[in-house]
Amino acid sequence: MITQTEPKTIGEKLQVTGETLLSTVKKLIHEGNVRRIHITQDGHTIAEFPLTVGVVGTVLAPVLAAIGAMSALLTDCTIQVERIDRPVEMSLFETPEARK
């Protein structure tokens, strides 16, 4: 019998400057395994937004515009990222050695 488990969530913190905030968030979105992003400064939440699989650029455009505006005002901030750690899928006949 094959059982399916829930994907594990992994937390990560990135220290960035206001100048690199927008490019860092764009890179995280492009990676595709990010579930939620929190932007904080001095312990205060500045922005928080969820990301779902299949979100397209049109939906994210207002979020990215807001982050761009914030980056002009923020100096140092922290991006807290929640990632989904998806297990590697293998067929029943494939061995781990075959993936190398």
PDB file of N, CA and C in Angstrom:
ATOM      1  N   MET A   1       0.843  -1.173   0.000  1.00  0.00           N
ATOM      2  CA  MET A   1       0.000   0.000   0.000  1.00  0.00           C
ATOM      3  C   MET A   1       0.894   1.245   0.000  1.00  0.00           C
ATOM      4  N   ILE A   2       0.515   2.245  -0.771  1.00  0.00           N
ATOM      5  CA  ILE A   2       1.257   3.497  -0.845  1.00  0.00           C
ATOM      6  C   ILE A   2       0.491   4.544  -0.046  1.00  0.00           C
ATOM      7  N   THR A   3       1.186   5.202   0.856  1.00  0.00           N
ATOM      8  CA  THR A   3       0.563   6.260   1.646  1.00  0.00           C
ATOM      9  C   THR A   3       1.172   7.590   1.249  1.00  0.00           C
ATOM     10  N   GLN A   4       0.358   8.615   1.299  1.00  0.00           N
ATOM     11  CA  GLN A   4       0.824   9.942   0.960  1.00  0.00           C
ATOM     12  C   GLN A   4       0.911  10.762   2.235  1.00  0.00           C
ATOM     13  N   THR A   5       2.010  11.467   2.418  1.00  0.00           N
ATOM     14  CA  THR A   5       2.177  12.278   3.614  1.00  0.00           C
ATOM     15  C   THR A   5       2.079  13.750   3.245  1.00  0.00           C
ATOM     16  N   GLU A   6       1.707  14.556   4.217  1.00  0.00           N
ATOM     17  CA  GLU A   6       1.648  15.996   4.018  1.00  0.00           C
ATOM     18  C   GLU A   6       3.051  16.549   3.824  1.00  0.00           C
ATOM     19  N   PRO A   7       3.227  17.509   2.921  1.00  0.00           N
ATOM     20  CA  PRO A   7       4.554  18.105   2.769  1.00  0.00           C
ATOM     21  C   PRO A   7       4.949  18.858   4.038  1.00  0.00           C
ATOM     22  N   LYS A   8       6.210  18.812   4.356  1.00  0.00           N
ATOM     23  CA  LYS A   8       6.742  19.460   5.549  1.00  0.00           C
ATOM     24  C   LYS A   8       6.992  20.939   5.244  1.00  0.00           C
ATOM     25  N   THR A   9       6.748  21.808   6.227  1.00  0.00           N
ATOM     26  CA  THR A   9       7.010  23.234   6.069  1.00  0.00           C
ATOM     27  C   THR A   9       8.334  23.571   6.735  1.00  0.00           C
ATOM     28  N   ILE A  10       9.175  24.301   6.022  1.00  0.00           N
ATOM     29  CA  ILE A  10      10.488  24.691   6.512  1.00  0.00           C
ATOM     30  C   ILE A  10      10.523  26.214   6.616  1.00  0.00           C
ATOM     31  N   GLY A  11      11.034  26.734   7.727  1.00  0.00           N
ATOM     32  CA  GLY A  11      11.160  28.167   7.916  1.00  0.00           C
ATOM     33  C   GLY A  11      12.574  28.642   7.633  1.00  0.00           C
ATOM     34  N   GLU A  12      12.687  29.852   7.131  1.00  0.00           N
ATOM     35  CA  GLU A  12      13.992  30.424   6.788  1.00  0.00           C
ATOM     36  C   GLU A  12      13.908  31.938   6.979  1.00  0.00           C
ATOM     37  N   LYS A  13      14.993  32.543   7.467  1.00  0.00           N
ATOM     38  CA  LYS A  13      15.054  34.001   7.625  1.00  0.00           C
ATOM     39  C   LYS A  13      16.191  34.553   6.782  1.00  0.00           C
ATOM     40  N   LEU A  14      15.907  35.627   6.057  1.00  0.00           N
ATOM     41  CA  LEU A  14      16.910  36.277   5.221  1.00  0.00           C
ATOM     42  C   LEU A  14      17.012  37.740   5.627  1.00  0.00           C
ATOM     43  N   GLN A  15      18.209  38.219   5.890  1.00  0.00           N
ATOM     44  CA  GLN A  15      18.443  39.629   6.179  1.00  0.00           C
ATOM     45  C   GLN A  15      18.738  40.328   4.856  1.00  0.00           C
ATOM     46  N   VAL A  16      17.987  41.379   4.542  1.00  0.00           N
ATOM     47  CA  VAL A  16      18.189  42.110   3.288  1.00  0.00           C
ATOM     48  C   VAL A  16      18.133  43.604   3.554  1.00  0.00           C
ATOM     49  N   THR A  17      18.637  44.364   2.609  1.00  0.00           N
ATOM     50  CA  THR A  17      18.528  45.818   2.660  1.00  0.00           C
ATOM     51  C   THR A  17      17.335  46.232   1.808  1.00  0.00           C
ATOM     52  N   GLY A  18      16.918  47.458   1.945  1.00  0.00           N
ATOM     53  CA  GLY A  18      15.801  47.958   1.148  1.00  0.00           C
ATOM     54  C   GLY A  18      16.067  47.867  -0.340  1.00  0.00           C
ATOM     55  N   GLU A  19      17.341  48.035  -0.728  1.00  0.00           N
ATOM     56  CA  GLU A  19      17.700  47.998  -2.145  1.00  0.00           C
ATOM     57  C   GLU A  19      17.506  46.617  -2.757  1.00  0.00           C
ATOM     58  N   THR A  20      17.725  45.572  -1.974  1.00  0.00           N
ATOM     59  CA  THR A  20      17.645  44.209  -2.505  1.00  0.00           C
ATOM     60  C   THR A  20      16.333  43.500  -2.153  1.00  0.00           C
ATOM     61  N   LEU A  21      15.424  44.193  -1.470  1.00  0.00           N
ATOM     62  CA  LEU A  21      14.175  43.576  -1.029  1.00  0.00           C
ATOM     63  C   LEU A  21      13.352  43.048  -2.195  1.00  0.00           C
ATOM     64  N   LEU A  22      13.082  43.879  -3.181  1.00  0.00           N
ATOM     65  CA  LEU A  22      12.224  43.478  -4.297  1.00  0.00           C
ATOM     66  C   LEU A  22      12.841  42.336  -5.104  1.00  0.00           C
ATOM     67  N   SER A  23      14.124  42.428  -5.398  1.00  0.00           N
ATOM     68  CA  SER A  23      14.755  41.364  -6.192  1.00  0.00           C
ATOM     69  C   SER A  23      14.786  40.038  -5.420  1.00  0.00           C
ATOM     70  N   THR A  24      14.969  40.108  -4.100  1.00  0.00           N
ATOM     71  CA  THR A  24      14.972  38.884  -3.291  1.00  0.00           C
ATOM     72  C   THR A  24      13.588  38.246  -3.268  1.00  0.00           C
ATOM     73  N   VAL A  25      12.546  39.045  -3.118  1.00  0.00           N
ATOM     74  CA  VAL A  25      11.178  38.515  -3.103  1.00  0.00           C
ATOM     75  C   VAL A  25      10.833  37.913  -4.468  1.00  0.00           C
ATOM     76  N   LYS A  26      11.219  38.578  -5.555  1.00  0.00           N
ATOM     77  CA  LYS A  26      10.967  38.032  -6.892  1.00  0.00           C
ATOM     78  C   LYS A  26      11.663  36.685  -7.077  1.00  0.00           C
ATOM     79  N   LYS A  27      12.894  36.584  -6.582  1.00  0.00           N
ATOM     80  CA  LYS A  27      13.639  35.327  -6.701  1.00  0.00           C
ATOM     81  C   LYS A  27      12.947  34.218  -5.901  1.00  0.00           C
ATOM     82  N   LEU A  28      12.456  34.542  -4.705  1.00  0.00           N
ATOM     83  CA  LEU A  28      11.757  33.556  -3.878  1.00  0.00           C
ATOM     84  C   LEU A  28      10.477  33.076  -4.560  1.00  0.00           C
ATOM     85  N   ILE A  29       9.738  33.994  -5.153  1.00  0.00           N
ATOM     86  CA  ILE A  29       8.503  33.629  -5.848  1.00  0.00           C
ATOM     87  C   ILE A  29       8.815  32.723  -7.033  1.00  0.00           C
ATOM     88  N   HIS A  30       9.882  33.037  -7.742  1.00  0.00           N
ATOM     89  CA  HIS A  30      10.270  32.245  -8.918  1.00  0.00           C
ATOM     90  C   HIS A  30      10.656  30.813  -8.547  1.00  0.00           C
ATOM     91  N   GLU A  31      11.189  30.607  -7.340  1.00  0.00           N
ATOM     92  CA  GLU A  31      11.579  29.265  -6.896  1.00  0.00           C
ATOM     93  C   GLU A  31      10.387  28.319  -6.832  1.00  0.00           C
ATOM     94  N   GLY A  32       9.218  28.831  -6.513  1.00  0.00           N
ATOM     95  CA  GLY A  32       8.008  28.035  -6.589  1.00  0.00           C
ATOM     96  C   GLY A  32       7.646  27.189  -5.385  1.00  0.00           C
ATOM     97  N   ASN A  33       8.519  26.994  -4.432  1.00  0.00           N
ATOM     98  CA  ASN A  33       8.177  26.165  -3.281  1.00  0.00           C
ATOM     99  C   ASN A  33       7.933  26.997  -2.027  1.00  0.00           C
ATOM    100  N   VAL A  34       7.663  28.287  -2.196  1.00  0.00           N
ATOM    101  CA  VAL A  34       7.425  29.183  -1.070  1.00  0.00           C
ATOM    102  C   VAL A  34       5.929  29.267  -0.803  1.00  0.00           C
ATOM    103  N   ARG A  35       5.537  29.054   0.440  1.00  0.00           N
ATOM    104  CA  ARG A  35       4.127  29.071   0.825  1.00  0.00           C
ATOM    105  C   ARG A  35       3.695  30.441   1.339  1.00  0.00           C
ATOM    106  N   ARG A  36       4.558  31.103   2.095  1.00  0.00           N
ATOM    107  CA  ARG A  36       4.205  32.394   2.706  1.00  0.00           C
ATOM    108  C   ARG A  36       5.467  33.220   2.896  1.00  0.00           C
ATOM    109  N   ILE A  37       5.328  34.543   2.760  1.00  0.00           N
ATOM    110  CA  ILE A  37       6.445  35.467   2.973  1.00  0.00           C
ATOM    111  C   ILE A  37       6.004  36.535   3.968  1.00  0.00           C
ATOM    112  N   HIS A  38       6.832  36.770   4.989  1.00  0.00           N
ATOM    113  CA  HIS A  38       6.629  37.837   5.978  1.00  0.00           C
ATOM    114  C   HIS A  38       7.800  38.798   5.831  1.00  0.00           C
ATOM    115  N   ILE A  39       7.525  40.077   5.756  1.00  0.00           N
ATOM    116  CA  ILE A  39       8.590  41.081   5.748  1.00  0.00           C
ATOM    117  C   ILE A  39       8.480  41.848   7.057  1.00  0.00           C
ATOM    118  N   THR A  40       9.563  41.828   7.841  1.00  0.00           N
ATOM    119  CA  THR A  40       9.564  42.494   9.141  1.00  0.00           C
ATOM    120  C   THR A  40      10.735  43.464   9.238  1.00  0.00           C
ATOM    121  N   GLN A  41      10.566  44.453  10.094  1.00  0.00           N
ATOM    122  CA  GLN A  41      11.644  45.391  10.398  1.00  0.00           C
ATOM    123  C   GLN A  41      11.567  45.704  11.884  1.00  0.00           C
ATOM    124  N   ASP A  42      12.680  45.495  12.571  1.00  0.00           N
ATOM    125  CA  ASP A  42      12.766  45.729  14.016  1.00  0.00           C
ATOM    126  C   ASP A  42      11.662  45.007  14.786  1.00  0.00           C
ATOM    127  N   GLY A  43      11.331  43.778  14.366  1.00  0.00           N
ATOM    128  CA  GLY A  43      10.333  42.982  15.059  1.00  0.00           C
ATOM    129  C   GLY A  43       8.891  43.291  14.706  1.00  0.00           C
ATOM    130  N   HIS A  44       8.653  44.284  13.866  1.00  0.00           N
ATOM    131  CA  HIS A  44       7.300  44.651  13.452  1.00  0.00           C
ATOM    132  C   HIS A  44       7.032  44.118  12.051  1.00  0.00           C
ATOM    133  N   THR A  45       5.873  43.484  11.873  1.00  0.00           N
ATOM    134  CA  THR A  45       5.507  42.973  10.560  1.00  0.00           C
ATOM    135  C   THR A  45       5.117  44.127   9.650  1.00  0.00           C
ATOM    136  N   ILE A  46       5.817  44.241   8.537  1.00  0.00           N
ATOM    137  CA  ILE A  46       5.532  45.289   7.552  1.00  0.00           C
ATOM    138  C   ILE A  46       4.551  44.770   6.510  1.00  0.00           C
ATOM    139  N   ALA A  47       4.757  43.536   6.059  1.00  0.00           N
ATOM    140  CA  ALA A  47       3.877  42.920   5.063  1.00  0.00           C
ATOM    141  C   ALA A  47       3.911  41.411   5.244  1.00  0.00           C
ATOM    142  N   GLU A  48       2.811  40.786   4.898  1.00  0.00           N
ATOM    143  CA  GLU A  48       2.723  39.329   4.969  1.00  0.00           C
ATOM    144  C   GLU A  48       1.779  38.903   3.855  1.00  0.00           C
ATOM    145  N   PHE A  49       2.229  37.953   3.037  1.00  0.00           N
ATOM    146  CA  PHE A  49       1.335  37.481   1.989  1.00  0.00           C
ATOM    147  C   PHE A  49       1.591  36.009   1.688  1.00  0.00           C
ATOM    148  N   PRO A  50       0.492  35.297   1.437  1.00  0.00           N
ATOM    149  CA  PRO A  50       0.607  33.877   1.095  1.00  0.00           C
ATOM    150  C   PRO A  50       0.845  33.716  -0.398  1.00  0.00           C
ATOM    151  N   LEU A  51       1.495  32.643  -0.762  1.00  0.00           N
ATOM    152  CA  LEU A  51       1.679  32.292  -2.165  1.00  0.00           C
ATOM    153  C   LEU A  51       1.108  30.899  -2.367  1.00  0.00           C
ATOM    154  N   THR A  52       0.433  30.707  -3.458  1.00  0.00           N
ATOM    155  CA  THR A  52      -0.105  29.392  -3.763  1.00  0.00           C
ATOM    156  C   THR A  52       0.475  28.904  -5.072  1.00  0.00           C
ATOM    157  N   VAL A  53       0.432  27.614  -5.258  1.00  0.00           N
ATOM    158  CA  VAL A  53       0.923  27.036  -6.496  1.00  0.00           C
ATOM    159  C   VAL A  53       0.050  27.537  -7.636  1.00  0.00           C
ATOM    160  N   GLY A  54       0.670  27.983  -8.700  1.00  0.00           N
ATOM    161  CA  GLY A  54      -0.076  28.433  -9.872  1.00  0.00           C
ATOM    162  C   GLY A  54      -0.401  29.919  -9.873  1.00  0.00           C
ATOM    163  N   VAL A  55       0.109  30.672  -8.903  1.00  0.00           N
ATOM    164  CA  VAL A  55      -0.131  32.111  -8.899  1.00  0.00           C
ATOM    165  C   VAL A  55       0.644  32.725 -10.056  1.00  0.00           C
ATOM    166  N   VAL A  56      -0.038  33.522 -10.856  1.00  0.00           N
ATOM    167  CA  VAL A  56       0.593  34.104 -12.038  1.00  0.00           C
ATOM    168  C   VAL A  56       0.985  35.547 -11.775  1.00  0.00           C
ATOM    169  N   GLY A  57       1.793  36.103 -12.672  1.00  0.00           N
ATOM    170  CA  GLY A  57       2.319  37.450 -12.509  1.00  0.00           C
ATOM    171  C   GLY A  57       1.257  38.521 -12.390  1.00  0.00           C
ATOM    172  N   THR A  58       0.124  38.369 -13.059  1.00  0.00           N
ATOM    173  CA  THR A  58      -0.937  39.370 -13.005  1.00  0.00           C
ATOM    174  C   THR A  58      -1.482  39.512 -11.594  1.00  0.00           C
ATOM    175  N   VAL A  59      -1.597  38.401 -10.898  1.00  0.00           N
ATOM    176  CA  VAL A  59      -2.099  38.433  -9.524  1.00  0.00           C
ATOM    177  C   VAL A  59      -1.052  39.024  -8.586  1.00  0.00           C
ATOM    178  N   LEU A  60       0.227  38.757  -8.848  1.00  0.00           N
ATOM    179  CA  LEU A  60       1.297  39.234  -7.973  1.00  0.00           C
ATOM    180  C   LEU A  60       1.734  40.666  -8.269  1.00  0.00           C
ATOM    181  N   ALA A  61       1.320  41.235  -9.381  1.00  0.00           N
ATOM    182  CA  ALA A  61       1.767  42.582  -9.750  1.00  0.00           C
ATOM    183  C   ALA A  61       1.488  43.623  -8.657  1.00  0.00           C
ATOM    184  N   PRO A  62       0.288  43.675  -8.069  1.00  0.00           N
ATOM    185  CA  PRO A  62       0.068  44.661  -6.999  1.00  0.00           C
ATOM    186  C   PRO A  62       0.944  44.417  -5.770  1.00  0.00           C
ATOM    187  N   VAL A  63       1.181  43.157  -5.442  1.00  0.00           N
ATOM    188  CA  VAL A  63       2.036  42.831  -4.295  1.00  0.00           C
ATOM    189  C   VAL A  63       3.456  43.304  -4.562  1.00  0.00           C
ATOM    190  N   LEU A  64       3.969  43.022  -5.753  1.00  0.00           N
ATOM    191  CA  LEU A  64       5.329  43.438  -6.092  1.00  0.00           C
ATOM    192  C   LEU A  64       5.447  44.961  -6.159  1.00  0.00           C
ATOM    193  N   ALA A  65       4.408  45.646  -6.613  1.00  0.00           N
ATOM    194  CA  ALA A  65       4.429  47.116  -6.643  1.00  0.00           C
ATOM    195  C   ALA A  65       4.492  47.672  -5.222  1.00  0.00           C
ATOM    196  N   ALA A  66       3.737  47.055  -4.310  1.00  0.00           N
ATOM    197  CA  ALA A  66       3.762  47.509  -2.917  1.00  0.00           C
ATOM    198  C   ALA A  66       5.124  47.257  -2.286  1.00  0.00           C
ATOM    199  N   ILE A  67       5.724  46.119  -2.579  1.00  0.00           N
ATOM    200  CA  ILE A  67       7.054  45.817  -2.045  1.00  0.00           C
ATOM    201  C   ILE A  67       8.081  46.789  -2.610  1.00  0.00           C
ATOM    202  N   GLY A  68       7.951  47.131  -3.875  1.00  0.00           N
ATOM    203  CA  GLY A  68       8.855  48.116  -4.473  1.00  0.00           C
ATOM    204  C   GLY A  68       8.758  49.465  -3.783  1.00  0.00           C
ATOM    205  N   ALA A  69       7.533  49.884  -3.453  1.00  0.00           N
ATOM    206  CA  ALA A  69       7.342  51.155  -2.750  1.00  0.00           C
ATOM    207  C   ALA A  69       7.913  51.085  -1.337  1.00  0.00           C
ATOM    208  N   MET A  70       7.727  49.940  -0.661  1.00  0.00           N
ATOM    209  CA  MET A  70       8.261  49.778   0.690  1.00  0.00           C
ATOM    210  C   MET A  70       9.779  49.774   0.690  1.00  0.00           C
ATOM    211  N   SER A  71      10.374  49.203  -0.342  1.00  0.00           N
ATOM    212  CA  SER A  71      11.831  49.090  -0.363  1.00  0.00           C
ATOM    213  C   SER A  71      12.499  50.462  -0.405  1.00  0.00           C
ATOM    214  N   ALA A  72      11.792  51.464  -0.918  1.00  0.00           N
ATOM    215  CA  ALA A  72      12.341  52.816  -0.929  1.00  0.00           C
ATOM    216  C   ALA A  72      12.371  53.412   0.479  1.00  0.00           C
ATOM    217  N   LEU A  73      11.492  52.935   1.347  1.00  0.00           N
ATOM    218  CA  LEU A  73      11.393  53.482   2.699  1.00  0.00           C
ATOM    219  C   LEU A  73      12.148  52.670   3.748  1.00  0.00           C
ATOM    220  N   LEU A  74      12.364  51.386   3.484  1.00  0.00           N
ATOM    221  CA  LEU A  74      12.997  50.516   4.464  1.00  0.00           C
ATOM    222  C   LEU A  74      14.508  50.484   4.274  1.00  0.00           C
ATOM    223  N   THR A  75      15.222  50.365   5.379  1.00  0.00           N
ATOM    224  CA  THR A  75      16.676  50.213   5.277  1.00  0.00           C
ATOM    225  C   THR A  75      17.033  48.740   5.412  1.00  0.00           C
ATOM    226  N   ASP A  76      17.058  48.239   6.600  1.00  0.00           N
ATOM    227  CA  ASP A  76      17.350  46.824   6.822  1.00  0.00           C
ATOM    228  C   ASP A  76      16.075  46.126   7.261  1.00  0.00           C
ATOM    229  N   CYS A  77      15.816  44.971   6.681  1.00  0.00           N
ATOM    230  CA  CYS A  77      14.628  44.226   7.075  1.00  0.00           C
ATOM    231  C   CYS A  77      14.897  42.727   6.981  1.00  0.00           C
ATOM    232  N   THR A  78      13.959  41.957   7.474  1.00  0.00           N
ATOM    233  CA  THR A  78      14.075  40.506   7.482  1.00  0.00           C
ATOM    234  C   THR A  78      12.929  39.925   6.678  1.00  0.00           C
ATOM    235  N   ILE A  79      13.245  38.962   5.832  1.00  0.00           N
ATOM    236  CA  ILE A  79      12.212  38.226   5.114  1.00  0.00           C
ATOM    237  C   ILE A  79      12.136  36.843   5.748  1.00  0.00           C
ATOM    238  N   GLN A  80      10.975  36.518   6.283  1.00  0.00           N
ATOM    239  CA  GLN A  80      10.749  35.184   6.841  1.00  0.00           C
ATOM    240  C   GLN A  80       9.985  34.390   5.790  1.00  0.00           C
ATOM    241  N   VAL A  81      10.536  33.245   5.426  1.00  0.00           N
ATOM    242  CA  VAL A  81       9.991  32.446   4.342  1.00  0.00           C
ATOM    243  C   VAL A  81       9.518  31.103   4.883  1.00  0.00           C
ATOM    244  N   GLU A  82       8.321  30.698   4.503  1.00  0.00           N
ATOM    245  CA  GLU A  82       7.830  29.344   4.781  1.00  0.00           C
ATOM    246  C   GLU A  82       7.880  28.583   3.471  1.00  0.00           C
ATOM    247  N   ARG A  83       8.699  27.535   3.435  1.00  0.00           N
ATOM    248  CA  ARG A  83       8.845  26.721   2.230  1.00  0.00           C
ATOM    249  C   ARG A  83       8.165  25.379   2.407  1.00  0.00           C
ATOM    250  N   ILE A  84       7.782  24.802   1.299  1.00  0.00           N
ATOM    251  CA  ILE A  84       7.220  23.453   1.299  1.00  0.00           C
ATOM    252  C   ILE A  84       8.327  22.510   0.887  1.00  0.00           C
ATOM    253  N   ASP A  85       8.608  21.544   1.750  1.00  0.00           N
ATOM    254  CA  ASP A  85       9.609  20.532   1.442  1.00  0.00           C
ATOM    255  C   ASP A  85       8.875  19.333   0.868  1.00  0.00           C
ATOM    256  N   ARG A  86       8.855  19.254  -0.454  1.00  0.00           N
ATOM    257  CA  ARG A  86       8.138  18.170  -1.119  1.00  0.00           C
ATOM    258  C   ARG A  86       9.025  16.943  -1.235  1.00  0.00           C
ATOM    259  N   PRO A  87       8.483  15.773  -0.904  1.00  0.00           N
ATOM    260  CA  PRO A  87       9.279  14.562  -1.077  1.00  0.00           C
ATOM    261  C   PRO A  87       9.500  14.269  -2.558  1.00  0.00           C
ATOM    262  N   VAL A  88      10.612  13.661  -2.860  1.00  0.00           N
ATOM    263  CA  VAL A  88      10.923  13.296  -4.233  1.00  0.00           C
ATOM    264  C   VAL A  88      10.055  12.111  -4.621  1.00  0.00           C
ATOM    265  N   GLU A  89       9.396  12.214  -5.777  1.00  0.00           N
ATOM    266  CA  GLU A  89       8.541  11.126  -6.228  1.00  0.00           C
ATOM    267  C   GLU A  89       9.356  10.141  -7.048  1.00  0.00           C
ATOM    268  N   MET A  90       9.144   8.855  -6.811  1.00  0.00           N
ATOM    269  CA  MET A  90       9.814   7.808  -7.581  1.00  0.00           C
ATOM    270  C   MET A  90       8.755   6.821  -8.045  1.00  0.00           C
ATOM    271  N   SER A  91       8.976   6.254  -9.185  1.00  0.00           N
ATOM    272  CA  SER A  91       8.068   5.212  -9.627  1.00  0.00           C
ATOM    273  C   SER A  91       8.353   3.947  -8.825  1.00  0.00           C
ATOM    274  N   LEU A  92       7.459   2.992  -8.892  1.00  0.00           N
ATOM    275  CA  LEU A  92       7.623   1.761  -8.133  1.00  0.00           C
ATOM    276  C   LEU A  92       8.833   0.960  -8.595  1.00  0.00           C
ATOM    277  N   PHE A  93       9.253   1.156  -9.841  1.00  0.00           N
ATOM    278  CA  PHE A  93      10.342   0.359 -10.393  1.00  0.00           C
ATOM    279  C   PHE A  93      11.673   1.108 -10.414  1.00  0.00           C
ATOM    280  N   GLU A  94      11.665   2.351  -9.982  1.00  0.00           N
ATOM    281  CA  GLU A  94      12.874   3.159 -10.007  1.00  0.00           C
ATOM    282  C   GLU A  94      13.601   3.042  -8.674  1.00  0.00           C
ATOM    283  N   THR A  95      14.910   2.924  -8.743  1.00  0.00           N
ATOM    284  CA  THR A  95      15.707   2.865  -7.519  1.00  0.00           C
ATOM    285  C   THR A  95      16.349   4.224  -7.286  1.00  0.00           C
ATOM    286  N   PRO A  96      16.694   4.568  -6.032  1.00  0.00           N
ATOM    287  CA  PRO A  96      17.346   5.849  -5.770  1.00  0.00           C
ATOM    288  C   PRO A  96      18.649   6.013  -6.549  1.00  0.00           C
ATOM    289  N   GLU A  97      19.349   4.913  -6.826  1.00  0.00           N
ATOM    290  CA  GLU A  97      20.606   4.987  -7.558  1.00  0.00           C
ATOM    291  C   GLU A  97      20.377   5.432  -9.004  1.00  0.00           C
ATOM    292  N   ALA A  98      19.219   5.122  -9.562  1.00  0.00           N
ATOM    293  CA  ALA A  98      18.914   5.489 -10.947  1.00  0.00           C
ATOM    294  C   ALA A  98      18.738   6.985 -11.105  1.00  0.00           C
ATOM    295  N   ARG A  99      18.404   7.709 -10.033  1.00  0.00           N
ATOM    296  CA  ARG A  99      18.213   9.161 -10.093  1.00  0.00           C
ATOM    297  C   ARG A  99      19.521   9.925 -10.173  1.00  0.00           C
ATOM    298  N   LYS A 100      20.625   9.297  -9.834  1.00  0.00           N
ATOM    299  CA  LYS A 100      21.924   9.994  -9.801  1.00  0.00           C
ATOM    300  C   LYS A 100      22.473  10.219 -11.166  1.00  0.00           C
TER     301      LYS A 100
END
